[in-house]
């Protein structure tokens, strides 16, 4: 799996605010989050592409990330390699899910 901007990642999780809804783990395209003891945890920080799907879908704002850079990188890599990326459009992992 590709690793992204690990030393400069903006991803932050406030486990104290987390209500264990699991949306971050569901929407993350790279499995960055796990749910343990009914709380989200960052399992693989280096896999985060900063798409923002987790933060957009967190109902209690326990997750913060400066989205854009990683998502743009994924789109560019997809164009260069010919592989599809989910970044962009209403069915994207980065689009907020309806409640």
PDB file of N, CA and C in Angstrom:
ATOM      1  N   UNK A   1       0.833  -1.177   0.000  1.00  0.00           N
ATOM      2  CA  UNK A   1       0.000   0.000   0.000  1.00  0.00           C
ATOM      3  C   UNK A   1       0.883   1.247   0.000  1.00  0.00           C
ATOM      4  N   UNK A   2       0.396   2.250  -0.684  1.00  0.00           N
ATOM      5  CA  UNK A   2       1.126   3.508  -0.765  1.00  0.00           C
ATOM      6  C   UNK A   2       1.070   4.234   0.574  1.00  0.00           C
ATOM      7  N   UNK A   3       2.143   4.848   0.963  1.00  0.00           N
ATOM      8  CA  UNK A   3       2.186   5.676   2.160  1.00  0.00           C
ATOM      9  C   UNK A   3       2.203   7.129   1.709  1.00  0.00           C
ATOM     10  N   UNK A   4       1.659   8.004   2.517  1.00  0.00           N
ATOM     11  CA  UNK A   4       1.478   9.378   2.106  1.00  0.00           C
ATOM     12  C   UNK A   4       2.419  10.338   2.839  1.00  0.00           C
ATOM     13  N   UNK A   5       1.910  11.365   3.421  1.00  0.00           N
ATOM     14  CA  UNK A   5       2.703  12.470   3.952  1.00  0.00           C
ATOM     15  C   UNK A   5       2.942  12.315   5.452  1.00  0.00           C
ATOM     16  N   UNK A   6       3.404  11.169   5.890  1.00  0.00           N
ATOM     17  CA  UNK A   6       3.374  10.809   7.303  1.00  0.00           C
ATOM     18  C   UNK A   6       3.971  11.841   8.249  1.00  0.00           C
ATOM     19  N   UNK A   7       5.090  12.424   7.930  1.00  0.00           N
ATOM     20  CA  UNK A   7       5.698  13.350   8.892  1.00  0.00           C
ATOM     21  C   UNK A   7       4.968  14.684   8.957  1.00  0.00           C
ATOM     22  N   UNK A   8       4.186  14.997   7.968  1.00  0.00           N
ATOM     23  CA  UNK A   8       3.479  16.270   7.933  1.00  0.00           C
ATOM     24  C   UNK A   8       1.968  16.122   8.028  1.00  0.00           C
ATOM     25  N   UNK A   9       1.477  14.964   8.444  1.00  0.00           N
ATOM     26  CA  UNK A   9       0.040  14.733   8.491  1.00  0.00           C
ATOM     27  C   UNK A   9      -0.657  15.669   9.465  1.00  0.00           C
ATOM     28  N   UNK A  10      -1.806  16.150   9.045  1.00  0.00           N
ATOM     29  CA  UNK A  10      -2.603  17.035   9.892  1.00  0.00           C
ATOM     30  C   UNK A  10      -3.671  16.269  10.667  1.00  0.00           C
ATOM     31  N   UNK A  11      -3.787  14.979  10.462  1.00  0.00           N
ATOM     32  CA  UNK A  11      -4.829  14.167  11.094  1.00  0.00           C
ATOM     33  C   UNK A  11      -4.725  14.199  12.614  1.00  0.00           C
ATOM     34  N   UNK A  12      -5.841  14.547  13.264  1.00  0.00           N
ATOM     35  CA  UNK A  12      -5.918  14.576  14.716  1.00  0.00           C
ATOM     36  C   UNK A  12      -7.216  13.914  15.152  1.00  0.00           C
ATOM     37  N   UNK A  13      -7.152  13.117  16.216  1.00  0.00           N
ATOM     38  CA  UNK A  13      -8.327  12.454  16.770  1.00  0.00           C
ATOM     39  C   UNK A  13      -8.406  12.752  18.259  1.00  0.00           C
ATOM     40  N   UNK A  14      -9.544  13.268  18.697  1.00  0.00           N
ATOM     41  CA  UNK A  14      -9.787  13.494  20.118  1.00  0.00           C
ATOM     42  C   UNK A  14     -10.629  12.317  20.607  1.00  0.00           C
ATOM     43  N   UNK A  15      -9.963  11.311  21.168  1.00  0.00           N
ATOM     44  CA  UNK A  15     -10.656  10.104  21.600  1.00  0.00           C
ATOM     45  C   UNK A  15     -11.675  10.401  22.695  1.00  0.00           C
ATOM     46  N   UNK A  16     -11.482  11.470  23.452  1.00  0.00           N
ATOM     47  CA  UNK A  16     -12.437  11.849  24.484  1.00  0.00           C
ATOM     48  C   UNK A  16     -13.789  12.269  23.924  1.00  0.00           C
ATOM     49  N   UNK A  17     -13.800  12.826  22.726  1.00  0.00           N
ATOM     50  CA  UNK A  17     -15.049  13.234  22.077  1.00  0.00           C
ATOM     51  C   UNK A  17     -15.712  12.087  21.326  1.00  0.00           C
ATOM     52  N   UNK A  18     -14.964  11.062  20.988  1.00  0.00           N
ATOM     53  CA  UNK A  18     -15.462   9.956  20.166  1.00  0.00           C
ATOM     54  C   UNK A  18     -16.613   9.234  20.864  1.00  0.00           C
ATOM     55  N   UNK A  19     -17.691   8.960  20.096  1.00  0.00           N
ATOM     56  CA  UNK A  19     -18.844   8.233  20.628  1.00  0.00           C
ATOM     57  C   UNK A  19     -18.912   6.806  20.091  1.00  0.00           C
ATOM     58  N   UNK A  20     -17.900   6.397  19.330  1.00  0.00           N
ATOM     59  CA  UNK A  20     -17.846   5.027  18.832  1.00  0.00           C
ATOM     60  C   UNK A  20     -18.829   4.695  17.731  1.00  0.00           C
ATOM     61  N   UNK A  21     -19.206   5.667  16.934  1.00  0.00           N
ATOM     62  CA  UNK A  21     -20.189   5.431  15.865  1.00  0.00           C
ATOM     63  C   UNK A  21     -19.624   4.600  14.710  1.00  0.00           C
ATOM     64  N   UNK A  22     -18.314   4.531  14.585  1.00  0.00           N
ATOM     65  CA  UNK A  22     -17.594   3.730  13.581  1.00  0.00           C
ATOM     66  C   UNK A  22     -17.593   4.328  12.172  1.00  0.00           C
ATOM     67  N   UNK A  23     -18.179   5.510  11.985  1.00  0.00           N
ATOM     68  CA  UNK A  23     -18.232   6.085  10.641  1.00  0.00           C
ATOM     69  C   UNK A  23     -16.838   6.334  10.069  1.00  0.00           C
ATOM     70  N   UNK A  24     -15.894   6.751  10.908  1.00  0.00           N
ATOM     71  CA  UNK A  24     -14.549   7.012  10.405  1.00  0.00           C
ATOM     72  C   UNK A  24     -13.932   5.743   9.815  1.00  0.00           C
ATOM     73  N   UNK A  25     -14.125   4.626  10.497  1.00  0.00           N
ATOM     74  CA  UNK A  25     -13.580   3.354  10.016  1.00  0.00           C
ATOM     75  C   UNK A  25     -14.291   2.891   8.747  1.00  0.00           C
ATOM     76  N   UNK A  26     -15.577   3.196   8.637  1.00  0.00           N
ATOM     77  CA  UNK A  26     -16.353   2.791   7.466  1.00  0.00           C
ATOM     78  C   UNK A  26     -15.958   3.589   6.230  1.00  0.00           C
ATOM     79  N   UNK A  27     -15.794   4.916   6.376  1.00  0.00           N
ATOM     80  CA  UNK A  27     -15.562   5.764   5.203  1.00  0.00           C
ATOM     81  C   UNK A  27     -14.095   5.899   4.803  1.00  0.00           C
ATOM     82  N   UNK A  28     -13.178   5.561   5.692  1.00  0.00           N
ATOM     83  CA  UNK A  28     -11.752   5.721   5.368  1.00  0.00           C
ATOM     84  C   UNK A  28     -11.338   4.731   4.284  1.00  0.00           C
ATOM     85  N   UNK A  29     -10.849   5.221   3.144  1.00  0.00           N
ATOM     86  CA  UNK A  29     -10.486   4.316   2.048  1.00  0.00           C
ATOM     87  C   UNK A  29      -9.189   3.537   2.291  1.00  0.00           C
ATOM     88  N   UNK A  30      -8.461   3.854   3.352  1.00  0.00           N
ATOM     89  CA  UNK A  30      -7.180   3.190   3.592  1.00  0.00           C
ATOM     90  C   UNK A  30      -7.064   2.525   4.956  1.00  0.00           C
ATOM     91  N   UNK A  31      -8.161   2.348   5.660  1.00  0.00           N
ATOM     92  CA  UNK A  31      -8.140   1.635   6.925  1.00  0.00           C
ATOM     93  C   UNK A  31      -7.285   2.286   7.997  1.00  0.00           C
ATOM     94  N   UNK A  32      -7.299   3.600   8.058  1.00  0.00           N
ATOM     95  CA  UNK A  32      -6.495   4.323   9.039  1.00  0.00           C
ATOM     96  C   UNK A  32      -7.026   4.094  10.461  1.00  0.00           C
ATOM     97  N   UNK A  33      -8.338   3.911  10.595  1.00  0.00           N
ATOM     98  CA  UNK A  33      -8.958   3.817  11.921  1.00  0.00           C
ATOM     99  C   UNK A  33      -9.371   2.396  12.274  1.00  0.00           C
ATOM    100  N   UNK A  34      -9.298   2.099  13.571  1.00  0.00           N
ATOM    101  CA  UNK A  34      -9.894   0.896  14.134  1.00  0.00           C
ATOM    102  C   UNK A  34     -10.790   1.348  15.286  1.00  0.00           C
ATOM    103  N   UNK A  35     -11.695   0.490  15.668  1.00  0.00           N
ATOM    104  CA  UNK A  35     -12.555   0.760  16.806  1.00  0.00           C
ATOM    105  C   UNK A  35     -12.204  -0.262  17.889  1.00  0.00           C
ATOM    106  N   UNK A  36     -11.779   0.239  19.032  1.00  0.00           N
ATOM    107  CA  UNK A  36     -11.429  -0.611  20.162  1.00  0.00           C
ATOM    108  C   UNK A  36     -12.084  -0.037  21.404  1.00  0.00           C
ATOM    109  N   UNK A  37     -12.730  -0.908  22.183  1.00  0.00           N
ATOM    110  CA  UNK A  37     -13.427  -0.469  23.397  1.00  0.00           C
ATOM    111  C   UNK A  37     -14.395   0.671  23.106  1.00  0.00           C
ATOM    112  N   UNK A  38     -15.076   0.568  21.988  1.00  0.00           N
ATOM    113  CA  UNK A  38     -16.089   1.517  21.548  1.00  0.00           C
ATOM    114  C   UNK A  38     -15.567   2.941  21.364  1.00  0.00           C
ATOM    115  N   UNK A  39     -14.294   3.041  20.967  1.00  0.00           N
ATOM    116  CA  UNK A  39     -13.679   4.328  20.639  1.00  0.00           C
ATOM    117  C   UNK A  39     -12.828   4.155  19.385  1.00  0.00           C
ATOM    118  N   UNK A  40     -12.744   5.192  18.581  1.00  0.00           N
ATOM    119  CA  UNK A  40     -11.880   5.169  17.400  1.00  0.00           C
ATOM    120  C   UNK A  40     -10.431   5.345  17.823  1.00  0.00           C
ATOM    121  N   UNK A  41      -9.548   4.703  17.098  1.00  0.00           N
ATOM    122  CA  UNK A  41      -8.106   4.837  17.298  1.00  0.00           C
ATOM    123  C   UNK A  41      -7.447   4.937  15.929  1.00  0.00           C
ATOM    124  N   UNK A  42      -6.371   5.667  15.826  1.00  0.00           N
ATOM    125  CA  UNK A  42      -5.611   5.740  14.581  1.00  0.00           C
ATOM    126  C   UNK A  42      -4.699   4.522  14.549  1.00  0.00           C
ATOM    127  N   UNK A  43      -4.989   3.605  13.631  1.00  0.00           N
ATOM    128  CA  UNK A  43      -4.250   2.349  13.538  1.00  0.00           C
ATOM    129  C   UNK A  43      -3.059   2.443  12.593  1.00  0.00           C
ATOM    130  N   UNK A  44      -3.202   3.215  11.510  1.00  0.00           N
ATOM    131  CA  UNK A  44      -2.136   3.313  10.511  1.00  0.00           C
ATOM    132  C   UNK A  44      -2.048   4.736   9.991  1.00  0.00           C
ATOM    133  N   UNK A  45      -1.440   5.595  10.773  1.00  0.00           N
ATOM    134  CA  UNK A  45      -1.311   7.010  10.435  1.00  0.00           C
ATOM    135  C   UNK A  45      -0.657   7.215   9.069  1.00  0.00           C
ATOM    136  N   UNK A  46       0.334   6.400   8.732  1.00  0.00           N
ATOM    137  CA  UNK A  46       1.058   6.569   7.471  1.00  0.00           C
ATOM    138  C   UNK A  46       0.197   6.272   6.246  1.00  0.00           C
ATOM    139  N   UNK A  47      -0.935   5.611   6.423  1.00  0.00           N
ATOM    140  CA  UNK A  47      -1.816   5.309   5.295  1.00  0.00           C
ATOM    141  C   UNK A  47      -2.783   6.450   4.995  1.00  0.00           C
ATOM    142  N   UNK A  48      -2.858   7.439   5.877  1.00  0.00           N
ATOM    143  CA  UNK A  48      -3.786   8.559   5.694  1.00  0.00           C
ATOM    144  C   UNK A  48      -3.372   9.407   4.492  1.00  0.00           C
ATOM    145  N   UNK A  49      -4.355   9.656   3.610  1.00  0.00           N
ATOM    146  CA  UNK A  49      -4.077  10.507   2.448  1.00  0.00           C
ATOM    147  C   UNK A  49      -4.727  11.881   2.609  1.00  0.00           C
ATOM    148  N   UNK A  50      -5.203  12.163   3.816  1.00  0.00           N
ATOM    149  CA  UNK A  50      -5.819  13.445   4.139  1.00  0.00           C
ATOM    150  C   UNK A  50      -6.985  13.796   3.218  1.00  0.00           C
ATOM    151  N   UNK A  51      -7.798  12.802   2.884  1.00  0.00           N
ATOM    152  CA  UNK A  51      -8.950  13.079   2.019  1.00  0.00           C
ATOM    153  C   UNK A  51     -10.050  13.812   2.765  1.00  0.00           C
ATOM    154  N   UNK A  52     -10.104  13.649   4.089  1.00  0.00           N
ATOM    155  CA  UNK A  52     -11.094  14.348   4.893  1.00  0.00           C
ATOM    156  C   UNK A  52     -12.393  13.603   5.107  1.00  0.00           C
ATOM    157  N   UNK A  53     -12.520  12.395   4.567  1.00  0.00           N
ATOM    158  CA  UNK A  53     -13.765  11.642   4.705  1.00  0.00           C
ATOM    159  C   UNK A  53     -14.111  11.402   6.166  1.00  0.00           C
ATOM    160  N   UNK A  54     -13.122  11.095   6.970  1.00  0.00           N
ATOM    161  CA  UNK A  54     -13.356  10.814   8.392  1.00  0.00           C
ATOM    162  C   UNK A  54     -13.919  12.040   9.095  1.00  0.00           C
ATOM    163  N   UNK A  55     -13.297  13.185   8.913  1.00  0.00           N
ATOM    164  CA  UNK A  55     -13.729  14.417   9.580  1.00  0.00           C
ATOM    165  C   UNK A  55     -15.103  14.867   9.089  1.00  0.00           C
ATOM    166  N   UNK A  56     -15.357  14.746   7.802  1.00  0.00           N
ATOM    167  CA  UNK A  56     -16.647  15.152   7.254  1.00  0.00           C
ATOM    168  C   UNK A  56     -17.785  14.300   7.780  1.00  0.00           C
ATOM    169  N   UNK A  57     -17.498  13.064   8.128  1.00  0.00           N
ATOM    170  CA  UNK A  57     -18.538  12.141   8.556  1.00  0.00           C
ATOM    171  C   UNK A  57     -18.618  11.951  10.063  1.00  0.00           C
ATOM    172  N   UNK A  58     -17.732  12.553  10.815  1.00  0.00           N
ATOM    173  CA  UNK A  58     -17.748  12.426  12.278  1.00  0.00           C
ATOM    174  C   UNK A  58     -18.846  13.323  12.850  1.00  0.00           C
ATOM    175  N   UNK A  59     -19.856  12.730  13.490  1.00  0.00           N
ATOM    176  CA  UNK A  59     -20.976  13.542  13.973  1.00  0.00           C
ATOM    177  C   UNK A  59     -20.652  14.408  15.188  1.00  0.00           C
ATOM    178  N   UNK A  60     -19.521  14.155  15.858  1.00  0.00           N
ATOM    179  CA  UNK A  60     -19.175  14.934  17.053  1.00  0.00           C
ATOM    180  C   UNK A  60     -17.884  15.731  16.881  1.00  0.00           C
ATOM    181  N   UNK A  61     -17.391  15.814  15.655  1.00  0.00           N
ATOM    182  CA  UNK A  61     -16.175  16.578  15.343  1.00  0.00           C
ATOM    183  C   UNK A  61     -14.968  16.148  16.177  1.00  0.00           C
ATOM    184  N   UNK A  62     -14.841  14.843  16.390  1.00  0.00           N
ATOM    185  CA  UNK A  62     -13.698  14.311  17.137  1.00  0.00           C
ATOM    186  C   UNK A  62     -12.454  14.196  16.259  1.00  0.00           C
ATOM    187  N   UNK A  63     -12.640  14.355  14.949  1.00  0.00           N
ATOM    188  CA  UNK A  63     -11.532  14.207  13.999  1.00  0.00           C
ATOM    189  C   UNK A  63     -11.320  15.518  13.257  1.00  0.00           C
ATOM    190  N   UNK A  64     -10.073  15.899  13.131  1.00  0.00           N
ATOM    191  CA  UNK A  64      -9.716  17.088  12.359  1.00  0.00           C
ATOM    192  C   UNK A  64      -8.602  16.702  11.391  1.00  0.00           C
ATOM    193  N   UNK A  65      -8.703  17.196  10.177  1.00  0.00           N
ATOM    194  CA  UNK A  65      -7.671  16.956   9.170  1.00  0.00           C
ATOM    195  C   UNK A  65      -7.759  18.081   8.138  1.00  0.00           C
ATOM    196  N   UNK A  66      -6.625  18.554   7.689  1.00  0.00           N
ATOM    197  CA  UNK A  66      -6.590  19.538   6.607  1.00  0.00           C
ATOM    198  C   UNK A  66      -6.667  18.770   5.303  1.00  0.00           C
ATOM    199  N   UNK A  67      -7.876  18.586   4.809  1.00  0.00           N
ATOM    200  CA  UNK A  67      -8.046  17.782   3.598  1.00  0.00           C
ATOM    201  C   UNK A  67      -7.638  18.558   2.360  1.00  0.00           C
ATOM    202  N   UNK A  68      -7.331  17.839   1.334  1.00  0.00           N
ATOM    203  CA  UNK A  68      -7.004  18.446   0.055  1.00  0.00           C
ATOM    204  C   UNK A  68      -5.704  17.957  -0.528  1.00  0.00           C
ATOM    205  N   UNK A  69      -4.619  18.061   0.200  1.00  0.00           N
ATOM    206  CA  UNK A  69      -3.315  17.701  -0.346  1.00  0.00           C
ATOM    207  C   UNK A  69      -3.248  16.224  -0.678  1.00  0.00           C
ATOM    208  N   UNK A  70      -3.623  15.378   0.262  1.00  0.00           N
ATOM    209  CA  UNK A  70      -3.570  13.936   0.036  1.00  0.00           C
ATOM    210  C   UNK A  70      -4.538  13.484  -1.025  1.00  0.00           C
ATOM    211  N   UNK A  71      -5.708  14.104  -1.048  1.00  0.00           N
ATOM    212  CA  UNK A  71      -6.709  13.752  -2.040  1.00  0.00           C
ATOM    213  C   UNK A  71      -6.210  14.138  -3.431  1.00  0.00           C
ATOM    214  N   UNK A  72      -5.608  15.307  -3.550  1.00  0.00           N
ATOM    215  CA  UNK A  72      -5.053  15.735  -4.836  1.00  0.00           C
ATOM    216  C   UNK A  72      -3.949  14.785  -5.276  1.00  0.00           C
ATOM    217  N   UNK A  73      -3.124  14.361  -4.315  1.00  0.00           N
ATOM    218  CA  UNK A  73      -2.059  13.418  -4.637  1.00  0.00           C
ATOM    219  C   UNK A  73      -2.639  12.109  -5.152  1.00  0.00           C
ATOM    220  N   UNK A  74      -3.719  11.637  -4.534  1.00  0.00           N
ATOM    221  CA  UNK A  74      -4.350  10.396  -4.970  1.00  0.00           C
ATOM    222  C   UNK A  74      -4.895  10.522  -6.391  1.00  0.00           C
ATOM    223  N   UNK A  75      -5.503  11.661  -6.683  1.00  0.00           N
ATOM    224  CA  UNK A  75      -6.049  11.879  -8.032  1.00  0.00           C
ATOM    225  C   UNK A  75      -4.925  11.905  -9.064  1.00  0.00           C
ATOM    226  N   UNK A  76      -3.858  12.618  -8.769  1.00  0.00           N
ATOM    227  CA  UNK A  76      -2.722  12.691  -9.700  1.00  0.00           C
ATOM    228  C   UNK A  76      -2.098  11.319  -9.903  1.00  0.00           C
ATOM    229  N   UNK A  77      -1.891  10.573  -8.808  1.00  0.00           N
ATOM    230  CA  UNK A  77      -1.334   9.223  -8.934  1.00  0.00           C
ATOM    231  C   UNK A  77      -2.254   8.325  -9.740  1.00  0.00           C
ATOM    232  N   UNK A  78      -3.569   8.487  -9.564  1.00  0.00           N
ATOM    233  CA  UNK A  78      -4.529   7.707 -10.336  1.00  0.00           C
ATOM    234  C   UNK A  78      -4.428   8.006 -11.823  1.00  0.00           C
ATOM    235  N   UNK A  79      -4.270   9.283 -12.145  1.00  0.00           N
ATOM    236  CA  UNK A  79      -4.130   9.669 -13.548  1.00  0.00           C
ATOM    237  C   UNK A  79      -2.832   9.127 -14.154  1.00  0.00           C
ATOM    238  N   UNK A  80      -1.771   9.163 -13.369  1.00  0.00           N
ATOM    239  CA  UNK A  80      -0.476   8.693 -13.868  1.00  0.00           C
ATOM    240  C   UNK A  80      -0.415   7.175 -14.022  1.00  0.00           C
ATOM    241  N   UNK A  81      -1.084   6.471 -13.112  1.00  0.00           N
ATOM    242  CA  UNK A  81      -1.027   4.999 -13.139  1.00  0.00           C
ATOM    243  C   UNK A  81      -2.198   4.370 -13.860  1.00  0.00           C
ATOM    244  N   UNK A  82      -3.237   5.162 -14.141  1.00  0.00           N
ATOM    245  CA  UNK A  82      -4.422   4.629 -14.795  1.00  0.00           C
ATOM    246  C   UNK A  82      -5.373   3.935 -13.832  1.00  0.00           C
ATOM    247  N   UNK A  83      -5.096   4.029 -12.524  1.00  0.00           N
ATOM    248  CA  UNK A  83      -5.967   3.406 -11.525  1.00  0.00           C
ATOM    249  C   UNK A  83      -7.042   4.395 -11.108  1.00  0.00           C
ATOM    250  N   UNK A  84      -8.231   3.850 -10.776  1.00  0.00           N
ATOM    251  CA  UNK A  84      -9.328   4.703 -10.339  1.00  0.00           C
ATOM    252  C   UNK A  84      -9.092   5.202  -8.931  1.00  0.00           C
ATOM    253  N   UNK A  85      -9.571   6.388  -8.665  1.00  0.00           N
ATOM    254  CA  UNK A  85      -9.548   6.942  -7.313  1.00  0.00           C
ATOM    255  C   UNK A  85     -10.958   7.333  -6.938  1.00  0.00           C
ATOM    256  N   UNK A  86     -11.254   7.281  -5.656  1.00  0.00           N
ATOM    257  CA  UNK A  86     -12.605   7.645  -5.227  1.00  0.00           C
ATOM    258  C   UNK A  86     -12.733   9.137  -5.008  1.00  0.00           C
ATOM    259  N   UNK A  87     -11.659   9.875  -5.055  1.00  0.00           N
ATOM    260  CA  UNK A  87     -11.711  11.302  -4.728  1.00  0.00           C
ATOM    261  C   UNK A  87     -12.417  12.096  -5.810  1.00  0.00           C
ATOM    262  N   UNK A  88     -13.536  12.671  -5.438  1.00  0.00           N
ATOM    263  CA  UNK A  88     -14.305  13.497  -6.353  1.00  0.00           C
ATOM    264  C   UNK A  88     -15.668  12.897  -6.622  1.00  0.00           C
ATOM    265  N   UNK A  89     -16.683  13.697  -6.538  1.00  0.00           N
ATOM    266  CA  UNK A  89     -18.036  13.254  -6.835  1.00  0.00           C
ATOM    267  C   UNK A  89     -18.834  12.914  -5.597  1.00  0.00           C
ATOM    268  N   UNK A  90     -20.131  12.760  -5.787  1.00  0.00           N
ATOM    269  CA  UNK A  90     -21.042  12.524  -4.668  1.00  0.00           C
ATOM    270  C   UNK A  90     -20.887  11.141  -4.045  1.00  0.00           C
ATOM    271  N   UNK A  91     -20.419  10.154  -4.796  1.00  0.00           N
ATOM    272  CA  UNK A  91     -20.272   8.802  -4.254  1.00  0.00           C
ATOM    273  C   UNK A  91     -18.886   8.564  -3.677  1.00  0.00           C
ATOM    274  N   UNK A  92     -18.137   9.608  -3.524  1.00  0.00           N
ATOM    275  CA  UNK A  92     -16.758   9.525  -3.047  1.00  0.00           C
ATOM    276  C   UNK A  92     -16.709   9.285  -1.551  1.00  0.00           C
ATOM    277  N   UNK A  93     -15.634   8.666  -1.118  1.00  0.00           N
ATOM    278  CA  UNK A  93     -15.405   8.483   0.321  1.00  0.00           C
ATOM    279  C   UNK A  93     -15.270   9.836   1.010  1.00  0.00           C
ATOM    280  N   UNK A  94     -14.923  10.843   0.259  1.00  0.00           N
ATOM    281  CA  UNK A  94     -14.667  12.167   0.827  1.00  0.00           C
ATOM    282  C   UNK A  94     -15.945  12.997   0.949  1.00  0.00           C
ATOM    283  N   UNK A  95     -17.046  12.525   0.404  1.00  0.00           N
ATOM    284  CA  UNK A  95     -18.297  13.279   0.484  1.00  0.00           C
ATOM    285  C   UNK A  95     -19.020  12.946   1.782  1.00  0.00           C
ATOM    286  N   UNK A  96     -19.604  13.929   2.440  1.00  0.00           N
ATOM    287  CA  UNK A  96     -20.326  13.649   3.686  1.00  0.00           C
ATOM    288  C   UNK A  96     -21.479  12.706   3.432  1.00  0.00           C
ATOM    289  N   UNK A  97     -21.674  11.769   4.337  1.00  0.00           N
ATOM    290  CA  UNK A  97     -22.783  10.821   4.228  1.00  0.00           C
ATOM    291  C   UNK A  97     -24.038  11.439   4.833  1.00  0.00           C
ATOM    292  N   UNK A  98     -25.193  11.099   4.253  1.00  0.00           N
ATOM    293  CA  UNK A  98     -26.458  11.601   4.798  1.00  0.00           C
ATOM    294  C   UNK A  98     -26.725  10.942   6.138  1.00  0.00           C
ATOM    295  N   UNK A  99     -27.259  11.692   7.070  1.00  0.00           N
ATOM    296  CA  UNK A  99     -27.549  11.148   8.408  1.00  0.00           C
ATOM    297  C   UNK A  99     -28.889  10.473   8.432  1.00  0.00           C
TER     298      UNK A  99
END
